[in-house]
Amino acid sequence: MGGRPNVALARVYDEPAPDEGERVLVDRLWPRGMRKDDPRVGRWLPAVAPSTELRRWYSHKSERFDEFAARYAKELESGDGAEALAELRALTGKGAVVLVTASRDLEISQAAVLCQLLSRKGRQT
């Protein structure tokens, strides 16, 4: 597959579109009110999510997003995060991927950071 990976964002509570690609939940915590076999989730990669400490510090405050994105990208350089990010990269090489999250604001979520990293083929910000 040439060119940029086909990566999109969606809320996990939204119904999947026909042929949208593989849905991958990128939250560390399971979404409230969802069964483990809910088709809106698809695959779950909790290891690719930000650490609990980083998530709590960020607290979805838009003024902290740039710092959050930089810290999160650094977290993804090693350990379980790096392995999970590599798994996501491999999935994007096979076809369309939709990163899903329970976050209300997709534009300032960890899924947005992941989408940017995947679209840049690994270049760090």
PDB file of N, CA and C in Angstrom:
ATOM      1  N   MET A   1       0.846  -1.178   0.000  1.00  0.00           N
ATOM      2  CA  MET A   1       0.000   0.000   0.000  1.00  0.00           C
ATOM      3  C   MET A   1       0.884   1.230   0.000  1.00  0.00           C
ATOM      4  N   GLY A   2       0.768   2.101  -0.970  1.00  0.00           N
ATOM      5  CA  GLY A   2       1.595   3.283  -1.053  1.00  0.00           C
ATOM      6  C   GLY A   2       0.909   4.482  -0.453  1.00  0.00           C
ATOM      7  N   GLY A   3       1.665   5.552  -0.257  1.00  0.00           N
ATOM      8  CA  GLY A   3       1.105   6.788   0.271  1.00  0.00           C
ATOM      9  C   GLY A   3       0.897   6.749   1.759  1.00  0.00           C
ATOM     10  N   ARG A   4       0.109   7.692   2.213  1.00  0.00           N
ATOM     11  CA  ARG A   4      -0.168   7.801   3.635  1.00  0.00           C
ATOM     12  C   ARG A   4      -1.134   6.724   4.093  1.00  0.00           C
ATOM     13  N   PRO A   5      -0.961   6.268   5.353  1.00  0.00           N
ATOM     14  CA  PRO A   5      -1.912   5.301   5.890  1.00  0.00           C
ATOM     15  C   PRO A   5      -3.306   5.927   5.970  1.00  0.00           C
ATOM     16  N   ASN A   6      -4.323   5.115   5.791  1.00  0.00           N
ATOM     17  CA  ASN A   6      -5.702   5.555   5.872  1.00  0.00           C
ATOM     18  C   ASN A   6      -6.169   5.374   7.312  1.00  0.00           C
ATOM     19  N   VAL A   7      -6.083   6.467   8.108  1.00  0.00           N
ATOM     20  CA  VAL A   7      -6.437   6.425   9.520  1.00  0.00           C
ATOM     21  C   VAL A   7      -7.498   7.482   9.779  1.00  0.00           C
ATOM     22  N   ALA A   8      -8.562   7.084  10.464  1.00  0.00           N
ATOM     23  CA  ALA A   8      -9.641   8.005  10.809  1.00  0.00           C
ATOM     24  C   ALA A   8      -9.897   7.936  12.305  1.00  0.00           C
ATOM     25  N   LEU A   9     -10.673   8.896  12.803  1.00  0.00           N
ATOM     26  CA  LEU A   9     -11.048   8.965  14.210  1.00  0.00           C
ATOM     27  C   LEU A   9     -12.552   8.843  14.355  1.00  0.00           C
ATOM     28  N   ALA A  10     -12.987   8.246  15.479  1.00  0.00           N
ATOM     29  CA  ALA A  10     -14.416   8.183  15.776  1.00  0.00           C
ATOM     30  C   ALA A  10     -14.598   7.969  17.266  1.00  0.00           C
ATOM     31  N   ARG A  11     -15.764   8.353  17.740  1.00  0.00           N
ATOM     32  CA  ARG A  11     -16.119   8.019  19.126  1.00  0.00           C
ATOM     33  C   ARG A  11     -16.577   6.567  19.139  1.00  0.00           C
ATOM     34  N   VAL A  12     -16.217   5.855  20.170  1.00  0.00           N
ATOM     35  CA  VAL A  12     -16.546   4.439  20.259  1.00  0.00           C
ATOM     36  C   VAL A  12     -18.054   4.226  20.340  1.00  0.00           C
ATOM     37  N   TYR A  13     -18.791   5.219  20.789  1.00  0.00           N
ATOM     38  CA  TYR A  13     -20.244   5.098  20.915  1.00  0.00           C
ATOM     39  C   TYR A  13     -20.972   5.283  19.581  1.00  0.00           C
ATOM     40  N   ASP A  14     -20.268   5.781  18.561  1.00  0.00           N
ATOM     41  CA  ASP A  14     -20.865   5.967  17.239  1.00  0.00           C
ATOM     42  C   ASP A  14     -20.970   4.628  16.508  1.00  0.00           C
ATOM     43  N   GLU A  15     -22.028   4.498  15.725  1.00  0.00           N
ATOM     44  CA  GLU A  15     -22.198   3.284  14.922  1.00  0.00           C
ATOM     45  C   GLU A  15     -21.155   3.253  13.810  1.00  0.00           C
ATOM     46  N   PRO A  16     -20.579   2.085  13.528  1.00  0.00           N
ATOM     47  CA  PRO A  16     -19.615   1.982  12.437  1.00  0.00           C
ATOM     48  C   PRO A  16     -20.275   2.225  11.080  1.00  0.00           C
ATOM     49  N   ALA A  17     -19.533   2.882  10.205  1.00  0.00           N
ATOM     50  CA  ALA A  17     -19.986   3.068   8.830  1.00  0.00           C
ATOM     51  C   ALA A  17     -19.640   1.808   8.035  1.00  0.00           C
ATOM     52  N   PRO A  18     -20.399   1.506   7.006  1.00  0.00           N
ATOM     53  CA  PRO A  18     -20.074   0.337   6.183  1.00  0.00           C
ATOM     54  C   PRO A  18     -18.673   0.493   5.577  1.00  0.00           C
ATOM     55  N   ASP A  19     -17.908  -0.540   5.634  1.00  0.00           N
ATOM     56  CA  ASP A  19     -16.574  -0.575   5.033  1.00  0.00           C
ATOM     57  C   ASP A  19     -15.645   0.544   5.507  1.00  0.00           C
ATOM     58  N   GLU A  20     -15.771   0.965   6.761  1.00  0.00           N
ATOM     59  CA  GLU A  20     -14.916   2.049   7.249  1.00  0.00           C
ATOM     60  C   GLU A  20     -13.512   1.578   7.601  1.00  0.00           C
ATOM     61  N   GLY A  21     -13.325   0.305   7.795  1.00  0.00           N
ATOM     62  CA  GLY A  21     -12.030  -0.219   8.188  1.00  0.00           C
ATOM     63  C   GLY A  21     -12.085  -0.854   9.561  1.00  0.00           C
ATOM     64  N   GLU A  22     -10.952  -1.325  10.017  1.00  0.00           N
ATOM     65  CA  GLU A  22     -10.893  -1.976  11.327  1.00  0.00           C
ATOM     66  C   GLU A  22     -10.928  -0.935  12.431  1.00  0.00           C
ATOM     67  N   ARG A  23     -11.827  -1.133  13.384  1.00  0.00           N
ATOM     68  CA  ARG A  23     -11.940  -0.223  14.526  1.00  0.00           C
ATOM     69  C   ARG A  23     -11.009  -0.701  15.627  1.00  0.00           C
ATOM     70  N   VAL A  24     -10.242   0.242  16.193  1.00  0.00           N
ATOM     71  CA  VAL A  24      -9.292  -0.082  17.258  1.00  0.00           C
ATOM     72  C   VAL A  24      -9.509   0.898  18.409  1.00  0.00           C
ATOM     73  N   LEU A  25      -9.915   0.373  19.548  1.00  0.00           N
ATOM     74  CA  LEU A  25     -10.099   1.183  20.749  1.00  0.00           C
ATOM     75  C   LEU A  25      -8.724   1.494  21.330  1.00  0.00           C
ATOM     76  N   VAL A  26      -8.425   2.789  21.499  1.00  0.00           N
ATOM     77  CA  VAL A  26      -7.100   3.207  21.953  1.00  0.00           C
ATOM     78  C   VAL A  26      -7.140   3.837  23.352  1.00  0.00           C
ATOM     79  N   ASP A  27      -8.152   3.474  24.143  1.00  0.00           N
ATOM     80  CA  ASP A  27      -8.276   3.939  25.522  1.00  0.00           C
ATOM     81  C   ASP A  27      -7.708   2.890  26.469  1.00  0.00           C
ATOM     82  N   ARG A  28      -7.143   3.346  27.584  1.00  0.00           N
ATOM     83  CA  ARG A  28      -6.640   2.421  28.602  1.00  0.00           C
ATOM     84  C   ARG A  28      -7.793   1.792  29.382  1.00  0.00           C
ATOM     85  N   LEU A  29      -8.878   2.550  29.557  1.00  0.00           N
ATOM     86  CA  LEU A  29     -10.035   2.064  30.305  1.00  0.00           C
ATOM     87  C   LEU A  29     -11.143   1.658  29.343  1.00  0.00           C
ATOM     88  N   TRP A  30     -11.879   0.598  29.716  1.00  0.00           N
ATOM     89  CA  TRP A  30     -12.984   0.150  28.897  1.00  0.00           C
ATOM     90  C   TRP A  30     -14.108   1.184  28.975  1.00  0.00           C
ATOM     91  N   PRO A  31     -14.758   1.503  27.839  1.00  0.00           N
ATOM     92  CA  PRO A  31     -15.821   2.511  27.831  1.00  0.00           C
ATOM     93  C   PRO A  31     -17.031   2.094  28.673  1.00  0.00           C
ATOM     94  N   ARG A  32     -17.574   3.057  29.377  1.00  0.00           N
ATOM     95  CA  ARG A  32     -18.749   2.792  30.216  1.00  0.00           C
ATOM     96  C   ARG A  32     -19.928   2.331  29.391  1.00  0.00           C
ATOM     97  N   GLY A  33     -20.632   1.361  29.935  1.00  0.00           N
ATOM     98  CA  GLY A  33     -21.881   0.918  29.328  1.00  0.00           C
ATOM     99  C   GLY A  33     -21.739   0.048  28.097  1.00  0.00           C
ATOM    100  N   MET A  34     -20.525  -0.404  27.807  1.00  0.00           N
ATOM    101  CA  MET A  34     -20.333  -1.227  26.600  1.00  0.00           C
ATOM    102  C   MET A  34     -19.963  -2.661  26.986  1.00  0.00           C
ATOM    103  N   ARG A  35     -20.581  -3.590  26.276  1.00  0.00           N
ATOM    104  CA  ARG A  35     -20.238  -4.998  26.472  1.00  0.00           C
ATOM    105  C   ARG A  35     -18.882  -5.274  25.817  1.00  0.00           C
ATOM    106  N   LYS A  36     -18.227  -6.279  26.286  1.00  0.00           N
ATOM    107  CA  LYS A  36     -16.915  -6.650  25.728  1.00  0.00           C
ATOM    108  C   LYS A  36     -17.014  -7.114  24.279  1.00  0.00           C
ATOM    109  N   ASP A  37     -18.172  -7.568  23.838  1.00  0.00           N
ATOM    110  CA  ASP A  37     -18.316  -8.044  22.463  1.00  0.00           C
ATOM    111  C   ASP A  37     -19.018  -7.026  21.556  1.00  0.00           C
ATOM    112  N   ASP A  38     -19.093  -5.765  21.984  1.00  0.00           N
ATOM    113  CA  ASP A  38     -19.774  -4.740  21.206  1.00  0.00           C
ATOM    114  C   ASP A  38     -19.023  -4.497  19.894  1.00  0.00           C
ATOM    115  N   PRO A  39     -19.692  -4.567  18.743  1.00  0.00           N
ATOM    116  CA  PRO A  39     -19.017  -4.401  17.455  1.00  0.00           C
ATOM    117  C   PRO A  39     -18.490  -2.981  17.207  1.00  0.00           C
ATOM    118  N   ARG A  40     -18.931  -2.014  18.000  1.00  0.00           N
ATOM    119  CA  ARG A  40     -18.433  -0.651  17.833  1.00  0.00           C
ATOM    120  C   ARG A  40     -16.991  -0.508  18.330  1.00  0.00           C
ATOM    121  N   VAL A  41     -16.523  -1.494  19.087  1.00  0.00           N
ATOM    122  CA  VAL A  41     -15.171  -1.441  19.643  1.00  0.00           C
ATOM    123  C   VAL A  41     -14.155  -2.007  18.669  1.00  0.00           C
ATOM    124  N   GLY A  42     -14.373  -3.211  18.194  1.00  0.00           N
ATOM    125  CA  GLY A  42     -13.368  -3.871  17.357  1.00  0.00           C
ATOM    126  C   GLY A  42     -12.251  -4.412  18.227  1.00  0.00           C
ATOM    127  N   ARG A  43     -11.028  -4.099  17.879  1.00  0.00           N
ATOM    128  CA  ARG A  43      -9.850  -4.542  18.621  1.00  0.00           C
ATOM    129  C   ARG A  43      -9.557  -3.518  19.726  1.00  0.00           C
ATOM    130  N   TRP A  44      -9.037  -4.001  20.875  1.00  0.00           N
ATOM    131  CA  TRP A  44      -8.701  -3.105  21.985  1.00  0.00           C
ATOM    132  C   TRP A  44      -7.202  -3.167  22.232  1.00  0.00           C
ATOM    133  N   LEU A  45      -6.537  -2.015  22.171  1.00  0.00           N
ATOM    134  CA  LEU A  45      -5.102  -1.923  22.447  1.00  0.00           C
ATOM    135  C   LEU A  45      -4.854  -0.958  23.609  1.00  0.00           C
ATOM    136  N   PRO A  46      -5.089  -1.406  24.847  1.00  0.00           N
ATOM    137  CA  PRO A  46      -4.906  -0.499  25.986  1.00  0.00           C
ATOM    138  C   PRO A  46      -3.456  -0.062  26.178  1.00  0.00           C
ATOM    139  N   ALA A  47      -2.502  -0.848  25.714  1.00  0.00           N
ATOM    140  CA  ALA A  47      -1.081  -0.510  25.896  1.00  0.00           C
ATOM    141  C   ALA A  47      -0.656   0.713  25.083  1.00  0.00           C
ATOM    142  N   VAL A  48      -1.433   1.087  24.063  1.00  0.00           N
ATOM    143  CA  VAL A  48      -1.076   2.241  23.248  1.00  0.00           C
ATOM    144  C   VAL A  48      -1.612   3.544  23.865  1.00  0.00           C
ATOM    145  N   ALA A  49      -2.435   3.426  24.882  1.00  0.00           N
ATOM    146  CA  ALA A  49      -3.020   4.605  25.531  1.00  0.00           C
ATOM    147  C   ALA A  49      -1.986   5.285  26.431  1.00  0.00           C
ATOM    148  N   PRO A  50      -2.199   6.562  26.739  1.00  0.00           N
ATOM    149  CA  PRO A  50      -1.288   7.269  27.644  1.00  0.00           C
ATOM    150  C   PRO A  50      -1.312   6.637  29.042  1.00  0.00           C
ATOM    151  N   SER A  51      -0.225   6.807  29.762  1.00  0.00           N
ATOM    152  CA  SER A  51      -0.159   6.303  31.130  1.00  0.00           C
ATOM    153  C   SER A  51      -1.240   6.966  31.982  1.00  0.00           C
ATOM    154  N   THR A  52      -1.595   6.319  33.058  1.00  0.00           N
ATOM    155  CA  THR A  52      -2.585   6.883  33.976  1.00  0.00           C
ATOM    156  C   THR A  52      -2.132   8.242  34.489  1.00  0.00           C
ATOM    157  N   GLU A  53      -0.855   8.358  34.815  1.00  0.00           N
ATOM    158  CA  GLU A  53      -0.330   9.620  35.330  1.00  0.00           C
ATOM    159  C   GLU A  53      -0.476  10.741  34.298  1.00  0.00           C
ATOM    160  N   LEU A  54      -0.123  10.464  33.050  1.00  0.00           N
ATOM    161  CA  LEU A  54      -0.220  11.471  31.997  1.00  0.00           C
ATOM    162  C   LEU A  54      -1.682  11.817  31.721  1.00  0.00           C
ATOM    163  N   ARG A  55      -2.521  10.821  31.690  1.00  0.00           N
ATOM    164  CA  ARG A  55      -3.945  11.039  31.440  1.00  0.00           C
ATOM    165  C   ARG A  55      -4.556  11.930  32.525  1.00  0.00           C
ATOM    166  N   ARG A  56      -4.199  11.661  33.780  1.00  0.00           N
ATOM    167  CA  ARG A  56      -4.733  12.474  34.883  1.00  0.00           C
ATOM    168  C   ARG A  56      -4.187  13.895  34.833  1.00  0.00           C
ATOM    169  N   TRP A  57      -2.905  14.060  34.513  1.00  0.00           N
ATOM    170  CA  TRP A  57      -2.327  15.404  34.414  1.00  0.00           C
ATOM    171  C   TRP A  57      -3.029  16.208  33.312  1.00  0.00           C
ATOM    172  N   TYR A  58      -3.219  15.585  32.177  1.00  0.00           N
ATOM    173  CA  TYR A  58      -3.811  16.257  31.023  1.00  0.00           C
ATOM    174  C   TYR A  58      -5.255  16.659  31.298  1.00  0.00           C
ATOM    175  N   SER A  59      -6.051  15.727  31.769  1.00  0.00           N
ATOM    176  CA  SER A  59      -7.439  15.969  32.137  1.00  0.00           C
ATOM    177  C   SER A  59      -8.238  16.660  31.024  1.00  0.00           C
ATOM    178  N   HIS A  60      -7.878  16.449  29.784  1.00  0.00           N
ATOM    179  CA  HIS A  60      -8.535  17.003  28.587  1.00  0.00           C
ATOM    180  C   HIS A  60      -8.686  18.520  28.634  1.00  0.00           C
ATOM    181  N   LYS A  61      -7.673  19.187  29.172  1.00  0.00           N
ATOM    182  CA  LYS A  61      -7.649  20.646  29.177  1.00  0.00           C
ATOM    183  C   LYS A  61      -6.978  21.090  27.884  1.00  0.00           C
ATOM    184  N   SER A  62      -7.725  21.770  27.030  1.00  0.00           N
ATOM    185  CA  SER A  62      -7.233  22.103  25.696  1.00  0.00           C
ATOM    186  C   SER A  62      -5.932  22.896  25.725  1.00  0.00           C
ATOM    187  N   GLU A  63      -5.728  23.728  26.728  1.00  0.00           N
ATOM    188  CA  GLU A  63      -4.495  24.508  26.807  1.00  0.00           C
ATOM    189  C   GLU A  63      -3.261  23.633  27.082  1.00  0.00           C
ATOM    190  N   ARG A  64      -3.470  22.404  27.511  1.00  0.00           N
ATOM    191  CA  ARG A  64      -2.365  21.476  27.768  1.00  0.00           C
ATOM    192  C   ARG A  64      -2.124  20.509  26.615  1.00  0.00           C
ATOM    193  N   PHE A  65      -2.922  20.596  25.549  1.00  0.00           N
ATOM    194  CA  PHE A  65      -2.857  19.583  24.500  1.00  0.00           C
ATOM    195  C   PHE A  65      -1.472  19.454  23.863  1.00  0.00           C
ATOM    196  N   ASP A  66      -0.839  20.557  23.499  1.00  0.00           N
ATOM    197  CA  ASP A  66       0.474  20.469  22.843  1.00  0.00           C
ATOM    198  C   ASP A  66       1.500  19.777  23.730  1.00  0.00           C
ATOM    199  N   GLU A  67       1.517  20.115  25.003  1.00  0.00           N
ATOM    200  CA  GLU A  67       2.436  19.467  25.955  1.00  0.00           C
ATOM    201  C   GLU A  67       2.067  17.999  26.133  1.00  0.00           C
ATOM    202  N   PHE A  68       0.769  17.730  26.215  1.00  0.00           N
ATOM    203  CA  PHE A  68       0.302  16.348  26.316  1.00  0.00           C
ATOM    204  C   PHE A  68       0.769  15.525  25.118  1.00  0.00           C
ATOM    205  N   ALA A  69       0.592  16.073  23.908  1.00  0.00           N
ATOM    206  CA  ALA A  69       0.981  15.363  22.688  1.00  0.00           C
ATOM    207  C   ALA A  69       2.469  15.040  22.696  1.00  0.00           C
ATOM    208  N   ALA A  70       3.300  15.991  23.133  1.00  0.00           N
ATOM    209  CA  ALA A  70       4.747  15.766  23.178  1.00  0.00           C
ATOM    210  C   ALA A  70       5.104  14.691  24.211  1.00  0.00           C
ATOM    211  N   ARG A  71       4.503  14.776  25.386  1.00  0.00           N
ATOM    212  CA  ARG A  71       4.784  13.768  26.433  1.00  0.00           C
ATOM    213  C   ARG A  71       4.293  12.384  26.014  1.00  0.00           C
ATOM    214  N   TYR A  72       3.124  12.341  25.408  1.00  0.00           N
ATOM    215  CA  TYR A  72       2.548  11.076  24.967  1.00  0.00           C
ATOM    216  C   TYR A  72       3.408  10.440  23.878  1.00  0.00           C
ATOM    217  N   ALA A  73       3.857  11.229  22.918  1.00  0.00           N
ATOM    218  CA  ALA A  73       4.730  10.704  21.860  1.00  0.00           C
ATOM    219  C   ALA A  73       6.008  10.128  22.472  1.00  0.00           C
ATOM    220  N   LYS A  74       6.525  10.788  23.490  1.00  0.00           N
ATOM    221  CA  LYS A  74       7.735  10.289  24.168  1.00  0.00           C
ATOM    222  C   LYS A  74       7.450   8.957  24.869  1.00  0.00           C
ATOM    223  N   GLU A  75       6.284   8.857  25.511  1.00  0.00           N
ATOM    224  CA  GLU A  75       5.898   7.594  26.156  1.00  0.00           C
ATOM    225  C   GLU A  75       5.832   6.451  25.152  1.00  0.00           C
ATOM    226  N   LEU A  76       5.399   6.757  23.940  1.00  0.00           N
ATOM    227  CA  LEU A  76       5.232   5.718  22.921  1.00  0.00           C
ATOM    228  C   LEU A  76       6.551   5.241  22.315  1.00  0.00           C
ATOM    229  N   GLU A  77       7.661   5.845  22.702  1.00  0.00           N
ATOM    230  CA  GLU A  77       8.963   5.460  22.156  1.00  0.00           C
ATOM    231  C   GLU A  77       9.531   4.196  22.786  1.00  0.00           C
ATOM    232  N   SER A  78       8.976   3.770  23.922  1.00  0.00           N
ATOM    233  CA  SER A  78       9.561   2.607  24.584  1.00  0.00           C
ATOM    234  C   SER A  78       8.490   1.708  25.207  1.00  0.00           C
ATOM    235  N   GLY A  79       8.911   0.517  25.568  1.00  0.00           N
ATOM    236  CA  GLY A  79       8.061  -0.415  26.296  1.00  0.00           C
ATOM    237  C   GLY A  79       6.841  -0.891  25.545  1.00  0.00           C
ATOM    238  N   ASP A  80       5.788  -1.130  26.316  1.00  0.00           N
ATOM    239  CA  ASP A  80       4.540  -1.652  25.759  1.00  0.00           C
ATOM    240  C   ASP A  80       3.930  -0.694  24.743  1.00  0.00           C
ATOM    241  N   GLY A  81       4.076   0.603  24.992  1.00  0.00           N
ATOM    242  CA  GLY A  81       3.534   1.593  24.068  1.00  0.00           C
ATOM    243  C   GLY A  81       4.142   1.473  22.688  1.00  0.00           C
ATOM    244  N   ALA A  82       5.459   1.260  22.641  1.00  0.00           N
ATOM    245  CA  ALA A  82       6.149   1.130  21.352  1.00  0.00           C
ATOM    246  C   ALA A  82       5.676  -0.116  20.605  1.00  0.00           C
ATOM    247  N   GLU A  83       5.477  -1.203  21.331  1.00  0.00           N
ATOM    248  CA  GLU A  83       4.995  -2.435  20.709  1.00  0.00           C
ATOM    249  C   GLU A  83       3.577  -2.261  20.176  1.00  0.00           C
ATOM    250  N   ALA A  84       2.722  -1.604  20.960  1.00  0.00           N
ATOM    251  CA  ALA A  84       1.342  -1.383  20.532  1.00  0.00           C
ATOM    252  C   ALA A  84       1.298  -0.427  19.335  1.00  0.00           C
ATOM    253  N   LEU A  85       2.150   0.605  19.342  1.00  0.00           N
ATOM    254  CA  LEU A  85       2.209   1.531  18.206  1.00  0.00           C
ATOM    255  C   LEU A  85       2.670   0.792  16.950  1.00  0.00           C
ATOM    256  N   ALA A  86       3.629  -0.103  17.098  1.00  0.00           N
ATOM    257  CA  ALA A  86       4.094  -0.910  15.962  1.00  0.00           C
ATOM    258  C   ALA A  86       2.959  -1.786  15.430  1.00  0.00           C
ATOM    259  N   GLU A  87       2.143  -2.310  16.332  1.00  0.00           N
ATOM    260  CA  GLU A  87       0.990  -3.121  15.911  1.00  0.00           C
ATOM    261  C   GLU A  87      -0.001  -2.264  15.126  1.00  0.00           C
ATOM    262  N   LEU A  88      -0.233  -1.036  15.591  1.00  0.00           N
ATOM    263  CA  LEU A  88      -1.114  -0.125  14.864  1.00  0.00           C
ATOM    264  C   LEU A  88      -0.555   0.200  13.485  1.00  0.00           C
ATOM    265  N   ARG A  89       0.743   0.443  13.403  1.00  0.00           N
ATOM    266  CA  ARG A  89       1.379   0.730  12.111  1.00  0.00           C
ATOM    267  C   ARG A  89       1.183  -0.442  11.149  1.00  0.00           C
ATOM    268  N   ALA A  90       1.331  -1.646  11.666  1.00  0.00           N
ATOM    269  CA  ALA A  90       1.148  -2.843  10.836  1.00  0.00           C
ATOM    270  C   ALA A  90      -0.300  -2.925  10.330  1.00  0.00           C
ATOM    271  N   LEU A  91      -1.257  -2.592  11.189  1.00  0.00           N
ATOM    272  CA  LEU A  91      -2.661  -2.614  10.772  1.00  0.00           C
ATOM    273  C   LEU A  91      -2.926  -1.605   9.664  1.00  0.00           C
ATOM    274  N   THR A  92      -2.330  -0.419   9.765  1.00  0.00           N
ATOM    275  CA  THR A  92      -2.550   0.600   8.734  1.00  0.00           C
ATOM    276  C   THR A  92      -1.925   0.190   7.408  1.00  0.00           C
ATOM    277  N   GLY A  93      -0.933  -0.680   7.467  1.00  0.00           N
ATOM    278  CA  GLY A  93      -0.338  -1.184   6.237  1.00  0.00           C
ATOM    279  C   GLY A  93      -1.235  -2.179   5.524  1.00  0.00           C
ATOM    280  N   LYS A  94      -2.213  -2.728   6.231  1.00  0.00           N
ATOM    281  CA  LYS A  94      -3.113  -3.721   5.654  1.00  0.00           C
ATOM    282  C   LYS A  94      -4.423  -3.126   5.147  1.00  0.00           C
ATOM    283  N   GLY A  95      -4.721  -1.891   5.574  1.00  0.00           N
ATOM    284  CA  GLY A  95      -5.978  -1.275   5.153  1.00  0.00           C
ATOM    285  C   GLY A  95      -6.382  -0.151   6.080  1.00  0.00           C
ATOM    286  N   ALA A  96      -7.610   0.301   5.895  1.00  0.00           N
ATOM    287  CA  ALA A  96      -8.126   1.424   6.677  1.00  0.00           C
ATOM    288  C   ALA A  96      -8.294   1.040   8.145  1.00  0.00           C
ATOM    289  N   VAL A  97      -7.969   1.992   9.015  1.00  0.00           N
ATOM    290  CA  VAL A  97      -8.093   1.802  10.456  1.00  0.00           C
ATOM    291  C   VAL A  97      -8.836   3.009  11.027  1.00  0.00           C
ATOM    292  N   VAL A  98      -9.762   2.729  11.943  1.00  0.00           N
ATOM    293  CA  VAL A  98     -10.476   3.794  12.645  1.00  0.00           C
ATOM    294  C   VAL A  98     -10.086   3.704  14.109  1.00  0.00           C
ATOM    295  N   LEU A  99      -9.424   4.749  14.602  1.00  0.00           N
ATOM    296  CA  LEU A  99      -9.053   4.813  16.010  1.00  0.00           C
ATOM    297  C   LEU A  99     -10.265   5.316  16.780  1.00  0.00           C
ATOM    298  N   VAL A 100     -10.755   4.512  17.718  1.00  0.00           N
ATOM    299  CA  VAL A 100     -11.936   4.899  18.473  1.00  0.00           C
ATOM    300  C   VAL A 100     -11.579   5.149  19.928  1.00  0.00           C
ATOM    301  N   THR A 101     -12.296   6.094  20.509  1.00  0.00           N
ATOM    302  CA  THR A 101     -12.074   6.501  21.884  1.00  0.00           C
ATOM    303  C   THR A 101     -13.394   6.930  22.497  1.00  0.00           C
ATOM    304  N   ALA A 102     -13.482   6.886  23.818  1.00  0.00           N
ATOM    305  CA  ALA A 102     -14.670   7.368  24.514  1.00  0.00           C
ATOM    306  C   ALA A 102     -14.589   8.876  24.745  1.00  0.00           C
ATOM    307  N   SER A 103     -13.469   9.492  24.438  1.00  0.00           N
ATOM    308  CA  SER A 103     -13.295  10.938  24.635  1.00  0.00           C
ATOM    309  C   SER A 103     -14.369  11.714  23.900  1.00  0.00           C
ATOM    310  N   ARG A 104     -14.856  12.761  24.532  1.00  0.00           N
ATOM    311  CA  ARG A 104     -15.904  13.581  23.916  1.00  0.00           C
ATOM    312  C   ARG A 104     -15.354  14.451  22.797  1.00  0.00           C
ATOM    313  N   ASP A 105     -14.159  14.979  22.980  1.00  0.00           N
ATOM    314  CA  ASP A 105     -13.571  15.896  22.000  1.00  0.00           C
ATOM    315  C   ASP A 105     -12.439  15.186  21.267  1.00  0.00           C
ATOM    316  N   LEU A 106     -12.732  14.683  20.086  1.00  0.00           N
ATOM    317  CA  LEU A 106     -11.753  13.908  19.320  1.00  0.00           C
ATOM    318  C   LEU A 106     -10.508  14.718  18.979  1.00  0.00           C
ATOM    319  N   GLU A 107     -10.659  16.008  18.733  1.00  0.00           N
ATOM    320  CA  GLU A 107      -9.535  16.835  18.283  1.00  0.00           C
ATOM    321  C   GLU A 107      -8.435  16.987  19.320  1.00  0.00           C
ATOM    322  N   ILE A 108      -8.770  16.806  20.606  1.00  0.00           N
ATOM    323  CA  ILE A 108      -7.751  16.936  21.658  1.00  0.00           C
ATOM    324  C   ILE A 108      -7.607  15.635  22.447  1.00  0.00           C
ATOM    325  N   SER A 109      -7.835  14.529  21.773  1.00  0.00           N
ATOM    326  CA  SER A 109      -7.736  13.213  22.414  1.00  0.00           C
ATOM    327  C   SER A 109      -6.418  12.524  22.060  1.00  0.00           C
ATOM    328  N   GLN A 110      -6.111  11.466  22.778  1.00  0.00           N
ATOM    329  CA  GLN A 110      -4.927  10.669  22.450  1.00  0.00           C
ATOM    330  C   GLN A 110      -5.073  10.036  21.078  1.00  0.00           C
ATOM    331  N   ALA A 111      -6.307   9.773  20.658  1.00  0.00           N
ATOM    332  CA  ALA A 111      -6.530   9.210  19.324  1.00  0.00           C
ATOM    333  C   ALA A 111      -6.067  10.183  18.241  1.00  0.00           C
ATOM    334  N   ALA A 112      -6.259  11.486  18.471  1.00  0.00           N
ATOM    335  CA  ALA A 112      -5.798  12.493  17.498  1.00  0.00           C
ATOM    336  C   ALA A 112      -4.278  12.490  17.403  1.00  0.00           C
ATOM    337  N   VAL A 113      -3.607  12.334  18.546  1.00  0.00           N
ATOM    338  CA  VAL A 113      -2.139  12.278  18.555  1.00  0.00           C
ATOM    339  C   VAL A 113      -1.673  11.037  17.799  1.00  0.00           C
ATOM    340  N   LEU A 114      -2.300   9.902  18.076  1.00  0.00           N
ATOM    341  CA  LEU A 114      -1.945   8.661  17.380  1.00  0.00           C
ATOM    342  C   LEU A 114      -2.171   8.779  15.881  1.00  0.00           C
ATOM    343  N   CYS A 115      -3.275   9.355  15.491  1.00  0.00           N
ATOM    344  CA  CYS A 115      -3.582   9.531  14.072  1.00  0.00           C
ATOM    345  C   CYS A 115      -2.483  10.346  13.398  1.00  0.00           C
ATOM    346  N   GLN A 116      -2.061  11.402  14.050  1.00  0.00           N
ATOM    347  CA  GLN A 116      -0.999  12.247  13.507  1.00  0.00           C
ATOM    348  C   GLN A 116       0.318  11.470  13.396  1.00  0.00           C
ATOM    349  N   LEU A 117       0.660  10.710  14.421  1.00  0.00           N
ATOM    350  CA  LEU A 117       1.898   9.927  14.389  1.00  0.00           C
ATOM    351  C   LEU A 117       1.857   8.871  13.290  1.00  0.00           C
ATOM    352  N   LEU A 118       0.722   8.208  13.146  1.00  0.00           N
ATOM    353  CA  LEU A 118       0.593   7.171  12.124  1.00  0.00           C
ATOM    354  C   LEU A 118       0.612   7.763  10.724  1.00  0.00           C
ATOM    355  N   SER A 119       0.015   8.908  10.550  1.00  0.00           N
ATOM    356  CA  SER A 119      -0.029   9.556   9.242  1.00  0.00           C
ATOM    357  C   SER A 119       1.339  10.059   8.809  1.00  0.00           C
ATOM    358  N   ARG A 120       2.189  10.345   9.773  1.00  0.00           N
ATOM    359  CA  ARG A 120       3.533  10.803   9.463  1.00  0.00           C
ATOM    360  C   ARG A 120       4.526   9.669   9.316  1.00  0.00           C
ATOM    361  N   LYS A 121       4.023   8.454   9.347  1.00  0.00           N
ATOM    362  CA  LYS A 121       4.875   7.265   9.202  1.00  0.00           C
ATOM    363  C   LYS A 121       6.001   7.245  10.222  1.00  0.00           C
ATOM    364  N   GLY A 122       5.656   7.642  11.473  1.00  0.00           N
ATOM    365  CA  GLY A 122       6.637   7.508  12.543  1.00  0.00           C
ATOM    366  C   GLY A 122       7.442   8.727  12.859  1.00  0.00           C
ATOM    367  N   ARG A 123       7.351   9.806  12.057  1.00  0.00           N
ATOM    368  CA  ARG A 123       8.110  11.029  12.386  1.00  0.00           C
ATOM    369  C   ARG A 123       7.540  11.639  13.649  1.00  0.00           C
ATOM    370  N   GLN A 124       8.386  11.993  14.570  1.00  0.00           N
ATOM    371  CA  GLN A 124       7.967  12.595  15.838  1.00  0.00           C
ATOM    372  C   GLN A 124       7.766  14.080  15.674  1.00  0.00           C
ATOM    373  N   THR A 125       6.891  14.656  16.502  1.00  0.00           N
ATOM    374  CA  THR A 125       6.655  16.090  16.488  1.00  0.00           C
ATOM    375  C   THR A 125       7.625  16.795  17.380  1.00  0.00           C
TER     376      THR A 125
END
